[in-house]
């Protein structure tokens, strides 16, 4: 393990490292400042308008409580201006961490069912995406995900918006929310429609349930990447399959602790995943809610995997490889990572 001085140097390296992020939620990325601002605008919400009080509010008893709190923050996004503000400010926080590219998981159904017209929602995120690239140098792409807890009606509506109203930045189709009691196979028709329209399949699976959920995501939903996949480490045959077919895992260490999916960081299965040859990417999931950010997640992964700066750079290149960015875009960010590492 690195000593404290070396660890401090690694933290500095991570802070400046060009990065891509593949598993980060739109509303879940709202900083305390933005959440407090929205709460102040919508005083009927249970969400505190005091940024300091949000730390206690974001202390989760378990995954079910996390979903409850998450949805209360979703309820603060009530019009297109809220959507645009949130999206651009998330990109600003990413820029501060030298994130060059991110695939932001967006749940349009959660907003449209609360009264935001679907076309206004699309226009708001697209306006923010274009502004983020022009003003901040951050390239955003969208994954539209089904909120599993809302059932098949939400799947139908999400598929409709993804296919019929497809915004320019949309690259993939996902499935989030609780896994317990929400089996993956029932969503197959909606993933079939999205995939037929050229969208990539990136469902959450194996976060709070066993490896069979990951198998279901692969077999029934045609998953090209797996969100979390934490329990995959319990099935050597599954790890072998993921490694052989180069199916990446979107690993979010701190999130897994915060939602009690994993008991402690030292027990996190990222080591087994890497040892099995799986393409592992590191992500922040819902960073302000979990008291983290992408730089912190890289530092956590570096400790768990005993990585030096070259190992961390390789981890950053994994995310670029696993992304749905076009080939020139991948080459550009990879070259930037290599140049930064060589200069270090």
Protein backbone atom coordinates (compact mmCIF):
# COMPACT_ATOMS: atom_id res chain seq x y z
CA UNK A 1 0.00 0.00 0.00
CA UNK A 2 1.25 3.55 -0.65
CA UNK A 3 2.43 5.57 2.33
CA UNK A 4 0.64 8.78 3.22
CA UNK A 5 2.98 11.01 1.19
CA UNK A 6 2.63 8.77 -1.86
CA UNK A 7 -1.13 8.62 -1.35
CA UNK A 8 -1.25 12.41 -1.27
CA UNK A 9 0.68 12.53 -4.53
CA UNK A 10 -1.72 10.02 -6.03
CA UNK A 11 -4.68 12.16 -4.97
CA UNK A 12 -3.11 15.09 -6.82
CA UNK A 13 -2.56 12.90 -9.87
CA UNK A 14 -6.19 11.73 -9.79
CA UNK A 15 -7.49 15.30 -9.47
CA UNK A 16 -5.78 16.34 -12.70
CA UNK A 17 -6.35 13.12 -14.61
CA UNK A 18 -8.70 13.40 -17.62
CA UNK A 19 -11.59 11.03 -16.97
CA UNK A 20 -14.81 9.57 -18.34
CA UNK A 21 -17.75 8.49 -16.21
CA UNK A 22 -20.36 5.92 -17.23
CA UNK A 23 -22.61 5.38 -14.21
CA UNK A 24 -23.83 8.62 -12.71
CA UNK A 25 -27.43 9.68 -12.20
CA UNK A 26 -28.88 12.99 -13.31
CA UNK A 27 -30.93 13.94 -10.24
CA UNK A 28 -28.59 11.97 -7.96
CA UNK A 29 -25.75 14.30 -8.98
CA UNK A 30 -27.45 17.42 -7.66
CA UNK A 31 -25.03 19.16 -5.31
CA UNK A 32 -26.21 20.31 -1.87
CA UNK A 33 -26.16 23.89 -3.15
CA UNK A 34 -28.47 23.06 -6.05
CA UNK A 35 -30.73 20.80 -3.97
CA UNK A 36 -31.03 23.52 -1.33
CA UNK A 37 -31.82 26.11 -4.00
CA UNK A 38 -34.54 23.90 -5.46
CA UNK A 39 -35.91 23.10 -1.98
CA UNK A 40 -36.11 26.81 -1.25
CA UNK A 41 -38.11 27.28 -4.45
CA UNK A 42 -40.45 24.44 -3.56
CA UNK A 43 -41.19 24.91 0.13
CA UNK A 44 -43.78 22.13 0.26
CA UNK A 45 -40.98 19.54 -0.07
CA UNK A 46 -39.61 17.48 2.83
CA UNK A 47 -36.08 18.09 1.55
CA UNK A 48 -34.15 20.56 3.77
CA UNK A 49 -33.31 23.94 2.22
CA UNK A 50 -30.19 24.14 4.42
CA UNK A 51 -27.12 22.59 2.69
CA UNK A 52 -25.69 21.49 6.06
CA UNK A 53 -28.93 19.70 7.01
CA UNK A 54 -28.74 17.74 3.77
CA UNK A 55 -25.85 15.67 5.15
CA UNK A 56 -28.16 14.14 7.76
CA UNK A 57 -31.00 13.85 5.26
CA UNK A 58 -28.69 11.85 2.97
CA UNK A 59 -27.85 9.26 5.67
CA UNK A 60 -29.47 6.06 4.44
CA UNK A 61 -30.71 3.22 6.62
CA UNK A 62 -30.86 0.80 3.67
CA UNK A 63 -31.51 0.69 -0.07
CA UNK A 64 -35.27 1.19 0.33
CA UNK A 65 -34.66 4.33 2.38
CA UNK A 66 -32.23 5.58 -0.26
CA UNK A 67 -34.92 5.20 -2.94
CA UNK A 68 -37.37 7.11 -0.73
CA UNK A 69 -34.94 10.00 -0.24
CA UNK A 70 -33.91 9.94 -3.91
CA UNK A 71 -37.53 10.28 -5.04
CA UNK A 72 -38.07 13.21 -2.70
CA UNK A 73 -35.25 15.01 -4.51
CA UNK A 74 -36.72 14.02 -7.88
CA UNK A 75 -39.88 15.80 -6.75
CA UNK A 76 -37.93 19.07 -6.63
CA UNK A 77 -37.50 18.99 -10.43
CA UNK A 78 -40.83 20.50 -11.44
CA UNK A 79 -40.32 22.51 -14.62
CA UNK A 80 -38.01 22.74 -17.61
CA UNK A 81 -35.91 25.47 -16.01
CA UNK A 82 -35.26 23.19 -13.01
CA UNK A 83 -34.14 20.48 -15.45
CA UNK A 84 -31.84 22.80 -17.38
CA UNK A 85 -30.30 24.29 -14.23
CA UNK A 86 -29.65 20.90 -12.69
CA UNK A 87 -28.11 19.45 -15.85
CA UNK A 88 -25.72 22.31 -16.49
CA UNK A 89 -24.62 22.47 -12.84
CA UNK A 90 -23.92 18.73 -12.81
CA UNK A 91 -21.65 19.29 -15.83
CA UNK A 92 -19.93 22.16 -13.99
CA UNK A 93 -19.12 19.83 -11.07
CA UNK A 94 -17.77 17.28 -13.54
CA UNK A 95 -15.56 19.87 -15.22
CA UNK A 96 -13.99 20.71 -11.86
CA UNK A 97 -12.88 17.06 -11.65
CA UNK A 98 -11.48 17.00 -15.19
CA UNK A 99 -14.26 14.74 -16.45
CA UNK A 100 -14.13 15.05 -20.22
CA UNK A 101 -17.03 12.74 -21.08
CA UNK A 102 -19.98 11.37 -19.13
CA UNK A 103 -22.97 9.20 -19.87
CA UNK A 104 -25.58 10.62 -17.52
CA UNK A 105 -28.42 8.32 -16.50
CA UNK A 106 -31.63 10.29 -16.94
CA UNK A 107 -35.08 9.14 -15.83
CA UNK A 108 -37.47 11.24 -17.92
CA UNK A 109 -40.54 9.39 -16.65
CA UNK A 110 -39.96 10.72 -13.13
CA UNK A 111 -40.26 14.27 -14.47
CA UNK A 112 -42.94 13.85 -17.12
CA UNK A 113 -45.28 12.10 -14.70
CA UNK A 114 -44.91 15.13 -12.43
CA UNK A 115 -46.18 17.39 -15.18
CA UNK A 116 -43.15 18.49 -17.22
CA UNK A 117 -44.09 18.06 -20.91
CA UNK A 118 -41.86 15.47 -22.56
CA UNK A 119 -40.66 17.75 -25.37
CA UNK A 120 -39.82 20.52 -22.90
CA UNK A 121 -37.81 18.02 -20.85
CA UNK A 122 -35.85 16.92 -23.95
CA UNK A 123 -35.21 20.52 -24.97
CA UNK A 124 -33.94 21.39 -21.50
CA UNK A 125 -31.40 18.59 -21.25
CA UNK A 126 -30.24 19.17 -24.84
CA UNK A 127 -29.79 22.89 -24.25
CA UNK A 128 -27.73 22.14 -21.14
CA UNK A 129 -25.71 19.49 -23.00
CA UNK A 130 -24.74 21.89 -25.77
CA UNK A 131 -23.89 24.65 -23.29
CA UNK A 132 -21.78 22.27 -21.19
CA UNK A 133 -19.71 21.25 -24.19
CA UNK A 134 -19.26 24.81 -25.45
CA UNK A 135 -18.63 26.51 -22.10
CA UNK A 136 -17.15 23.77 -19.89
CA UNK A 137 -15.52 21.33 -22.29
CA UNK A 138 -17.61 18.45 -20.94
CA UNK A 139 -19.25 16.10 -23.44
CA UNK A 140 -22.52 14.66 -22.11
CA UNK A 141 -24.50 11.75 -23.47
CA UNK A 142 -27.75 10.31 -22.09
CA UNK A 143 -28.90 6.92 -20.88
CA UNK A 144 -32.69 6.95 -20.48
CA UNK A 145 -33.57 4.50 -17.75
CA UNK A 146 -36.76 2.85 -16.60
CA UNK A 147 -37.52 3.42 -12.90
CA UNK A 148 -38.22 -0.21 -12.09
CA UNK A 149 -40.29 0.55 -9.01
CA UNK A 150 -42.86 2.35 -11.22
CA UNK A 151 -43.70 -0.80 -13.16
CA UNK A 152 -44.38 -1.53 -16.81
CA UNK A 153 -46.24 1.72 -17.41
CA UNK A 154 -42.98 3.55 -16.81
CA UNK A 155 -41.18 1.15 -19.13
CA UNK A 156 -43.68 1.81 -21.92
CA UNK A 157 -43.41 5.57 -21.49
CA UNK A 158 -39.59 5.55 -21.26
CA UNK A 159 -39.31 3.43 -24.40
CA UNK A 160 -41.71 5.74 -26.23
CA UNK A 161 -39.71 8.84 -25.31
CA UNK A 162 -36.40 7.16 -26.13
CA UNK A 163 -37.49 5.89 -29.53
CA UNK A 164 -40.05 8.44 -30.73
CA UNK A 165 -38.58 11.63 -29.24
CA UNK A 166 -34.95 10.58 -29.26
CA UNK A 167 -32.74 13.56 -28.41
CA UNK A 168 -29.39 13.91 -30.17
CA UNK A 169 -27.42 13.04 -27.03
CA UNK A 170 -29.18 9.75 -26.29
CA UNK A 171 -26.95 6.67 -26.66
CA UNK A 172 -28.35 4.01 -24.34
CA UNK A 173 -31.33 2.53 -22.52
CA UNK A 174 -31.25 1.38 -18.90
CA UNK A 175 -33.17 0.09 -15.91
CA UNK A 176 -32.73 1.37 -12.35
CA UNK A 177 -34.48 1.36 -9.00
CA UNK A 178 -34.93 -1.60 -6.67
CA UNK A 179 -34.07 -5.08 -7.91
CA UNK A 180 -35.83 -7.08 -5.19
CA UNK A 181 -39.33 -7.83 -6.44
CA UNK A 182 -38.59 -6.23 -9.83
CA UNK A 183 -37.39 -9.08 -12.09
CA UNK A 184 -35.42 -8.08 -15.17
CA UNK A 185 -37.11 -10.37 -17.78
CA UNK A 186 -40.42 -8.46 -17.72
CA UNK A 187 -38.65 -5.50 -19.33
CA UNK A 188 -37.42 -7.45 -22.36
CA UNK A 189 -39.97 -6.04 -24.87
CA UNK A 190 -38.94 -2.47 -24.03
CA UNK A 191 -35.25 -3.21 -24.33
CA UNK A 192 -35.93 -4.99 -27.62
CA UNK A 193 -37.57 -1.81 -28.95
CA UNK A 194 -34.75 0.40 -27.78
CA UNK A 195 -32.07 -1.88 -29.17
CA UNK A 196 -33.89 -2.10 -32.51
CA UNK A 197 -33.72 1.70 -32.61
CA UNK A 198 -29.94 1.54 -32.19
CA UNK A 199 -29.66 2.25 -28.46
CA UNK A 200 -27.21 0.36 -26.27
CA UNK A 201 -28.44 -1.77 -23.35
CA UNK A 202 -27.08 -0.83 -19.91
CA UNK A 203 -29.36 -2.09 -17.11
CA UNK A 204 -28.54 -2.10 -13.41
CA UNK A 205 -28.20 -5.68 -12.19
CA UNK A 206 -26.69 -7.55 -9.27
CA UNK A 207 -26.52 -4.54 -6.98
CA UNK A 208 -28.77 -5.85 -4.20
CA UNK A 209 -29.65 -9.26 -5.63
CA UNK A 210 -27.63 -12.30 -6.67
CA UNK A 211 -25.74 -13.21 -9.84
CA UNK A 212 -28.87 -14.58 -11.51
CA UNK A 213 -30.09 -10.99 -11.95
CA UNK A 214 -26.95 -10.26 -13.95
CA UNK A 215 -27.54 -13.37 -16.07
CA UNK A 216 -31.10 -12.18 -16.69
CA UNK A 217 -29.81 -8.78 -17.79
CA UNK A 218 -27.42 -10.44 -20.23
CA UNK A 219 -29.79 -13.06 -21.60
CA UNK A 220 -33.10 -11.19 -21.59
CA UNK A 221 -32.10 -7.54 -21.96
CA UNK A 222 -29.02 -7.92 -24.16
CA UNK A 223 -26.89 -5.97 -21.69
CA UNK A 224 -23.70 -4.54 -23.17
CA UNK A 225 -22.57 -3.13 -19.82
CA UNK A 226 -23.81 -3.93 -16.34
CA UNK A 227 -24.66 -1.24 -13.81
CA UNK A 228 -22.98 -2.29 -10.55
CA UNK A 229 -22.86 -6.09 -11.01
CA UNK A 230 -21.66 -6.33 -7.41
CA UNK A 231 -22.88 -9.88 -6.84
CA UNK A 232 -21.19 -11.16 -10.01
CA UNK A 233 -18.14 -11.90 -7.87
CA UNK A 234 -20.12 -14.74 -6.28
CA UNK A 235 -20.35 -16.65 -9.57
CA UNK A 236 -16.99 -17.61 -11.14
CA UNK A 237 -18.72 -18.71 -14.35
CA UNK A 238 -20.37 -15.30 -14.66
CA UNK A 239 -17.06 -13.49 -14.12
CA UNK A 240 -15.51 -15.70 -16.78
CA UNK A 241 -18.36 -14.85 -19.17
CA UNK A 242 -18.03 -11.11 -18.53
CA UNK A 243 -14.27 -11.24 -19.06
CA UNK A 244 -14.46 -13.42 -22.18
CA UNK A 245 -17.07 -11.24 -23.87
CA UNK A 246 -15.51 -7.98 -22.64
CA UNK A 247 -18.75 -6.86 -20.98
CA UNK A 248 -17.81 -4.03 -18.62
CA UNK A 249 -18.99 -3.55 -15.06
CA UNK A 250 -19.85 -0.06 -13.83
CA UNK A 251 -18.52 -0.29 -10.28
CA UNK A 252 -19.51 2.30 -7.66
CA UNK A 253 -17.71 1.43 -4.39
CA UNK A 254 -18.92 4.14 -2.01
CA UNK A 255 -22.49 3.83 -3.29
CA UNK A 256 -22.46 0.12 -2.47
CA UNK A 257 -21.52 0.91 1.13
CA UNK A 258 -24.03 3.76 1.48
CA UNK A 259 -26.93 1.58 0.30
CA UNK A 260 -25.70 -1.41 2.35
CA UNK A 261 -25.22 -3.52 -0.78
CA UNK A 262 -21.71 -4.24 0.59
CA UNK A 263 -20.88 -4.15 4.30
CA UNK A 264 -17.46 -2.44 4.19
CA UNK A 265 -15.08 -1.11 1.56
CA UNK A 266 -12.49 -3.72 2.44
CA UNK A 267 -15.05 -6.40 1.55
CA UNK A 268 -15.87 -4.82 -1.79
CA UNK A 269 -15.60 -7.40 -4.63
CA UNK A 270 -13.74 -5.10 -7.04
CA UNK A 271 -10.56 -7.09 -6.40
CA UNK A 272 -12.19 -10.36 -7.50
CA UNK A 273 -13.62 -8.66 -10.58
CA UNK A 274 -10.24 -7.33 -11.69
CA UNK A 275 -8.47 -10.60 -10.84
CA UNK A 276 -10.92 -12.43 -13.09
CA UNK A 277 -10.01 -10.18 -16.01
CA UNK A 278 -13.30 -8.27 -16.12
CA UNK A 279 -13.24 -4.80 -17.68
CA UNK A 280 -13.93 -2.68 -14.59
CA UNK A 281 -14.85 1.00 -14.65
CA UNK A 282 -15.09 3.21 -11.57
CA UNK A 283 -18.03 5.57 -11.10
CA UNK A 284 -19.73 7.75 -8.49
CA UNK A 285 -23.46 6.84 -9.01
CA UNK A 286 -25.22 9.55 -6.91
CA UNK A 287 -22.17 11.43 -5.64
CA UNK A 288 -23.50 14.23 -3.37
CA UNK A 289 -26.03 11.85 -1.82
CA UNK A 290 -23.20 9.47 -0.93
CA UNK A 291 -20.73 12.15 0.14
CA UNK A 292 -18.34 11.34 -2.68
CA UNK A 293 -17.23 12.34 -6.16
CA UNK A 294 -15.42 10.62 -9.02
CA UNK A 295 -11.97 11.64 -7.78
CA UNK A 296 -12.73 10.05 -4.41
CA UNK A 297 -13.92 6.84 -6.08
CA UNK A 298 -10.65 6.61 -8.01
CA UNK A 299 -8.73 7.04 -4.75
CA UNK A 300 -10.82 4.29 -3.14
CA UNK A 301 -10.22 1.97 -6.08
CA UNK A 302 -6.49 2.75 -6.04
CA UNK A 303 -6.29 1.72 -2.40
CA UNK A 304 -8.32 -1.45 -2.82
CA UNK A 305 -6.42 -2.51 -5.94
CA UNK A 306 -3.02 -1.22 -4.74
CA UNK A 307 -2.54 0.92 -7.84
CA UNK A 308 0.15 3.47 -8.58
CA UNK A 309 -0.44 6.39 -10.92
CA UNK A 310 0.01 4.22 -14.02
CA UNK A 311 -2.56 1.76 -12.70
CA UNK A 312 -4.99 4.59 -12.05
CA UNK A 313 -4.46 5.88 -15.58
CA UNK A 314 -5.21 2.40 -16.92
CA UNK A 315 -8.44 2.42 -14.92
CA UNK A 316 -9.35 5.76 -16.50
CA UNK A 317 -8.72 4.29 -19.94
CA UNK A 318 -11.06 1.40 -19.11
CA UNK A 319 -13.92 3.89 -18.83
CA UNK A 320 -13.05 5.40 -22.20
CA UNK A 321 -12.91 1.94 -23.80
CA UNK A 322 -16.23 0.90 -22.24
CA UNK A 323 -17.98 4.13 -23.25
CA UNK A 324 -20.26 4.64 -26.25
CA UNK A 325 -18.21 7.59 -27.44
CA UNK A 326 -17.20 7.47 -31.11
CA UNK A 327 -13.73 6.26 -32.10
CA UNK A 328 -12.17 9.72 -32.63
CA UNK A 329 -13.52 10.85 -29.27
CA UNK A 330 -12.10 7.78 -27.53
CA UNK A 331 -8.73 8.30 -29.21
CA UNK A 332 -8.66 11.95 -28.15
CA UNK A 333 -9.32 11.29 -24.45
CA UNK A 334 -7.00 8.26 -24.37
CA UNK A 335 -4.19 10.37 -25.85
CA UNK A 336 -4.86 13.06 -23.27
CA UNK A 337 -4.65 10.48 -20.45
CA UNK A 338 -1.37 9.12 -21.87
CA UNK A 339 0.14 12.59 -22.25
CA UNK A 340 -0.86 13.57 -18.71
CA UNK A 341 0.59 10.36 -17.28
CA UNK A 342 3.84 10.67 -19.23
CA UNK A 343 4.28 14.25 -18.04
CA UNK A 344 3.73 13.19 -14.44
